C-alpha atoms as a PDB file:
ATOM      1  CA  MET A   1    -103.113 -40.096   3.491  1.00  0.00           C
ATOM      2  CA  ARG A   2    -100.289 -41.478   0.943  1.00  0.00           C
ATOM      3  CA  THR A   3     -99.484 -39.628  -2.043  1.00  0.00           C
ATOM      4  CA  SER A   4     -97.439 -41.530  -4.698  1.00  0.00           C
ATOM      5  CA  LYS A   5     -94.359 -40.199  -6.136  1.00  0.00           C
ATOM      6  CA  PRO A   6     -95.273 -40.140  -9.703  1.00  0.00           C
ATOM      7  CA  LEU A   7     -98.519 -38.331  -8.668  1.00  0.00           C
ATOM      8  CA  LEU A   8     -96.390 -35.614  -6.834  1.00  0.00           C
ATOM      9  CA  ALA A   9     -93.911 -35.792  -9.571  1.00  0.00           C
ATOM     10  CA  ALA A  10     -97.089 -34.853 -12.045  1.00  0.00           C
ATOM     11  CA  VAL A  11     -98.098 -31.778  -9.968  1.00  0.00           C
ATOM     12  CA  SER A  12     -94.865 -30.517  -9.851  1.00  0.00           C
ATOM     13  CA  MET A  13     -94.536 -30.631 -13.548  1.00  0.00           C
ATOM     14  CA  ALA A  14     -97.605 -28.850 -14.073  1.00  0.00           C
ATOM     15  CA  ALA A  15     -97.030 -26.197 -11.522  1.00  0.00           C
ATOM     16  CA  ALA A  16     -93.719 -25.636 -13.493  1.00  0.00           C
ATOM     17  CA  LEU A  17     -95.454 -25.313 -16.499  1.00  0.00           C
ATOM     18  CA  ALA A  18     -98.605 -23.119 -15.272  1.00  0.00           C
ATOM     19  CA  VAL A  19     -96.226 -19.913 -15.317  1.00  0.00           C
ATOM     20  CA  THR A  20     -98.053 -16.866 -16.804  1.00  0.00           C
ATOM     21  CA  PRO A  21     -95.775 -15.317 -19.802  1.00  0.00           C
ATOM     22  CA  ALA A  22     -95.359 -12.298 -17.371  1.00  0.00           C
ATOM     23  CA  MET A  23     -93.582 -14.275 -14.681  1.00  0.00           C
ATOM     24  CA  ALA A  24     -91.676 -16.405 -17.248  1.00  0.00           C
ATOM     25  CA  ALA A  25     -90.193 -13.224 -18.657  1.00  0.00           C
ATOM     26  CA  ASN A  26     -89.143 -12.261 -15.033  1.00  0.00           C
ATOM     27  CA  ASP A  27     -87.757 -15.532 -14.225  1.00  0.00           C
ATOM     28  CA  PRO A  28     -87.840 -18.279 -16.904  1.00  0.00           C
ATOM     29  CA  ASN A  29     -87.465 -21.867 -15.701  1.00  0.00           C
ATOM     30  CA  PHE A  30     -87.043 -25.081 -17.394  1.00  0.00           C
ATOM     31  CA  GLY A  31     -90.687 -26.097 -17.595  1.00  0.00           C
ATOM     32  CA  GLN A  32     -91.419 -22.829 -19.173  1.00  0.00           C
ATOM     33  CA  MET A  33     -88.693 -22.981 -21.298  1.00  0.00           C
ATOM     34  CA  MET A  34     -89.755 -27.006 -22.613  1.00  0.00           C
ATOM     35  CA  SER A  35     -93.412 -25.483 -23.074  1.00  0.00           C
ATOM     36  CA  SER A  36     -92.593 -22.620 -24.981  1.00  0.00           C
ATOM     37  CA  ILE A  37     -90.526 -25.318 -27.106  1.00  0.00           C
ATOM     38  CA  GLN A  38     -93.724 -27.001 -27.494  1.00  0.00           C
ATOM     39  CA  ALA A  39     -95.593 -24.437 -28.356  1.00  0.00           C
ATOM     40  CA  ALA A  40     -93.525 -23.377 -31.401  1.00  0.00           C
ATOM     41  CA  LYS A  41     -96.392 -24.410 -33.693  1.00  0.00           C
ATOM     42  CA  THR A  42     -98.426 -21.371 -32.573  1.00  0.00           C
ATOM     43  CA  SER A  43     -95.751 -18.679 -31.916  1.00  0.00           C
ATOM     44  CA  PRO A  44     -95.133 -17.820 -35.336  1.00  0.00           C
ATOM     45  CA  THR A  45     -98.731 -16.267 -35.910  1.00  0.00           C
ATOM     46  CA  GLN A  46     -98.323 -14.195 -32.508  1.00  0.00           C
ATOM     47  CA  ILE A  47     -95.117 -12.848 -33.517  1.00  0.00           C
ATOM     48  CA  GLN A  48     -96.473 -11.992 -36.718  1.00  0.00           C
ATOM     49  CA  GLY A  49     -99.063 -10.117 -35.217  1.00  0.00           C
ATOM     50  CA  LEU A  50     -96.582  -8.078 -32.978  1.00  0.00           C
ATOM     51  CA  THR A  51     -96.699  -4.229 -33.729  1.00  0.00           C
ATOM     52  CA  THR A  52     -94.755  -3.100 -30.717  1.00  0.00           C
ATOM     53  CA  VAL A  53     -92.051  -4.936 -28.172  1.00  0.00           C
ATOM     54  CA  LYS A  54     -90.878  -2.838 -25.439  1.00  0.00           C
ATOM     55  CA  SER A  55     -87.930  -5.366 -24.853  1.00  0.00           C
ATOM     56  CA  VAL A  56     -86.118  -8.290 -25.432  1.00  0.00           C
ATOM     57  CA  ASN A  57     -85.378 -10.706 -22.559  1.00  0.00           C
ATOM     58  CA  VAL A  58     -82.666 -13.242 -23.738  1.00  0.00           C
ATOM     59  CA  VAL A  59     -82.302 -16.323 -22.303  1.00  0.00           C
ATOM     60  CA  LYS A  60     -79.661 -19.127 -22.567  1.00  0.00           C
ATOM     61  CA  VAL A  61     -81.407 -22.532 -22.843  1.00  0.00           C
ATOM     62  CA  ASP A  62     -78.071 -24.360 -21.380  1.00  0.00           C
ATOM     63  CA  ASP A  63     -78.102 -22.038 -18.458  1.00  0.00           C
ATOM     64  CA  LEU A  64     -81.631 -23.387 -17.497  1.00  0.00           C
ATOM     65  CA  ALA A  65     -80.628 -26.899 -18.672  1.00  0.00           C
ATOM     66  CA  LYS A  66     -78.279 -27.154 -15.752  1.00  0.00           C
ATOM     67  CA  GLY A  67     -78.932 -30.309 -13.379  1.00  0.00           C
ATOM     68  CA  ASN A  68     -82.099 -30.728 -15.728  1.00  0.00           C
ATOM     69  CA  ASN A  69     -82.443 -33.151 -18.206  1.00  0.00           C
ATOM     70  CA  MET A  70     -79.928 -31.675 -21.374  1.00  0.00           C
ATOM     71  CA  GLN A  71     -81.532 -35.145 -23.299  1.00  0.00           C
ATOM     72  CA  ALA A  72     -85.066 -34.003 -23.317  1.00  0.00           C
ATOM     73  CA  LEU A  73     -84.248 -30.462 -24.184  1.00  0.00           C
ATOM     74  CA  ASP A  74     -82.417 -32.031 -27.489  1.00  0.00           C
ATOM     75  CA  GLU A  75     -85.368 -34.279 -27.839  1.00  0.00           C
ATOM     76  CA  ALA A  76     -87.808 -31.339 -27.704  1.00  0.00           C
ATOM     77  CA  VAL A  77     -85.847 -29.298 -30.064  1.00  0.00           C
ATOM     78  CA  THR A  78     -85.351 -31.816 -32.518  1.00  0.00           C
ATOM     79  CA  LYS A  79     -89.110 -33.067 -32.458  1.00  0.00           C
ATOM     80  CA  ASN A  80     -90.353 -28.998 -33.048  1.00  0.00           C
ATOM     81  CA  GLN A  81     -87.539 -28.068 -35.591  1.00  0.00           C
ATOM     82  CA  SER A  82     -89.707 -27.208 -38.362  1.00  0.00           C
ATOM     83  CA  ASP A  83     -92.166 -25.279 -35.803  1.00  0.00           C
ATOM     84  CA  ILE A  84     -88.859 -23.807 -34.607  1.00  0.00           C
ATOM     85  CA  THR A  85     -88.022 -22.786 -38.269  1.00  0.00           C
ATOM     86  CA  SER A  86     -91.146 -21.236 -38.906  1.00  0.00           C
ATOM     87  CA  LEU A  87     -90.566 -19.457 -35.672  1.00  0.00           C
ATOM     88  CA  ARG A  88     -87.514 -18.170 -36.722  1.00  0.00           C
ATOM     89  CA  THR A  89     -88.923 -16.814 -40.221  1.00  0.00           C
ATOM     90  CA  ALA A  90     -91.578 -15.015 -38.642  1.00  0.00           C
ATOM     91  CA  LEU A  91     -88.890 -13.329 -36.254  1.00  0.00           C
ATOM     92  CA  THR A  92     -87.244 -12.094 -39.565  1.00  0.00           C
ATOM     93  CA  SER A  93     -90.335 -11.265 -41.526  1.00  0.00           C
ATOM     94  CA  ASN A  94     -92.099  -9.022 -38.761  1.00  0.00           C
ATOM     95  CA  THR A  95     -89.784  -5.773 -38.714  1.00  0.00           C
ATOM     96  CA  THR A  96     -90.397  -4.759 -35.840  1.00  0.00           C
ATOM     97  CA  VAL A  97     -89.192  -8.070 -33.995  1.00  0.00           C
ATOM     98  CA  ASN A  98     -86.213  -8.374 -36.190  1.00  0.00           C
ATOM     99  CA  THR A  99     -84.855  -4.766 -35.155  1.00  0.00           C
ATOM    100  CA  ALA A 100     -85.646  -5.331 -31.410  1.00  0.00           C
ATOM    101  CA  LEU A 101     -83.809  -8.589 -31.839  1.00  0.00           C
ATOM    102  CA  MET A 102     -80.875  -6.916 -34.125  1.00  0.00           C
ATOM    103  CA  ASN A 103     -80.747  -4.032 -31.255  1.00  0.00           C
ATOM    104  CA  ALA A 104     -80.372  -7.155 -28.553  1.00  0.00           C
ATOM    105  CA  LYS A 105     -77.661  -8.610 -30.450  1.00  0.00           C
ATOM    106  CA  VAL A 106     -79.860 -11.834 -30.778  1.00  0.00           C
ATOM    107  CA  ASP A 107     -78.677 -14.438 -33.307  1.00  0.00           C
ATOM    108  CA  VAL A 108     -82.293 -15.571 -34.688  1.00  0.00           C
ATOM    109  CA  ASN A 109     -80.556 -18.975 -36.231  1.00  0.00           C
ATOM    110  CA  LYS A 110     -80.345 -19.798 -32.471  1.00  0.00           C
ATOM    111  CA  VAL A 111     -83.634 -18.994 -31.451  1.00  0.00           C
ATOM    112  CA  VAL A 112     -85.728 -21.981 -30.244  1.00  0.00           C
ATOM    113  CA  ALA A 113     -88.968 -20.160 -28.451  1.00  0.00           C
ATOM    114  CA  THR A 114     -90.256 -17.486 -27.706  1.00  0.00           C
ATOM    115  CA  GLU A 115     -92.718 -15.565 -25.333  1.00  0.00           C
ATOM    116  CA  ILE A 116     -94.745 -12.826 -25.694  1.00  0.00           C
ATOM    117  CA  GLY A 117     -95.722 -11.060 -22.371  1.00  0.00           C
ATOM    118  CA  SER A 118     -98.757  -9.013 -21.875  1.00  0.00           C
ATOM    119  CA  ASP A 119     -96.342  -6.168 -20.692  1.00  0.00           C
ATOM    120  CA  GLY A 120     -94.924  -5.822 -24.233  1.00  0.00           C
ATOM    121  CA  ILE A 121     -91.721  -7.850 -23.314  1.00  0.00           C
ATOM    122  CA  LEU A 122     -90.209 -10.810 -26.168  1.00  0.00           C
ATOM    123  CA  THR A 123     -88.426 -13.339 -24.103  1.00  0.00           C
ATOM    124  CA  VAL A 124     -86.507 -15.512 -26.905  1.00  0.00           C
ATOM    125  CA  TYR A 125     -84.844 -18.747 -25.816  1.00  0.00           C
ATOM    126  CA  VAL A 126     -81.678 -19.459 -27.145  1.00  0.00           C
ATOM    127  CA  ARG A 127     -79.197 -22.288 -27.714  1.00  0.00           C
END
């Protein structure tokens, strides 16, 4: 059976994006980060609802983007800039989250995406 390269690439990308938040918190990857940036529209609502943060996992996007397409990262951030701005507002508006981020020495103005793990871990992707 022959499998086309575009099909393999699509399956590989789908597998990369199918990482659960708990897995991503432990071992984030480029695909998960890109998915989180694109989901920035729904994140503010989730952030506003957080009442506890067990810990903060800080991931530098430049570390994940090494060897990957930096242009795709830049385009995703630019395309989702208004949602990222709303996300940052939600991060500072929620006292519990803001305190956890300050304790982790996270500059909210550098956050481009977040993930909330079911285990209480907040993963923030920063530039």
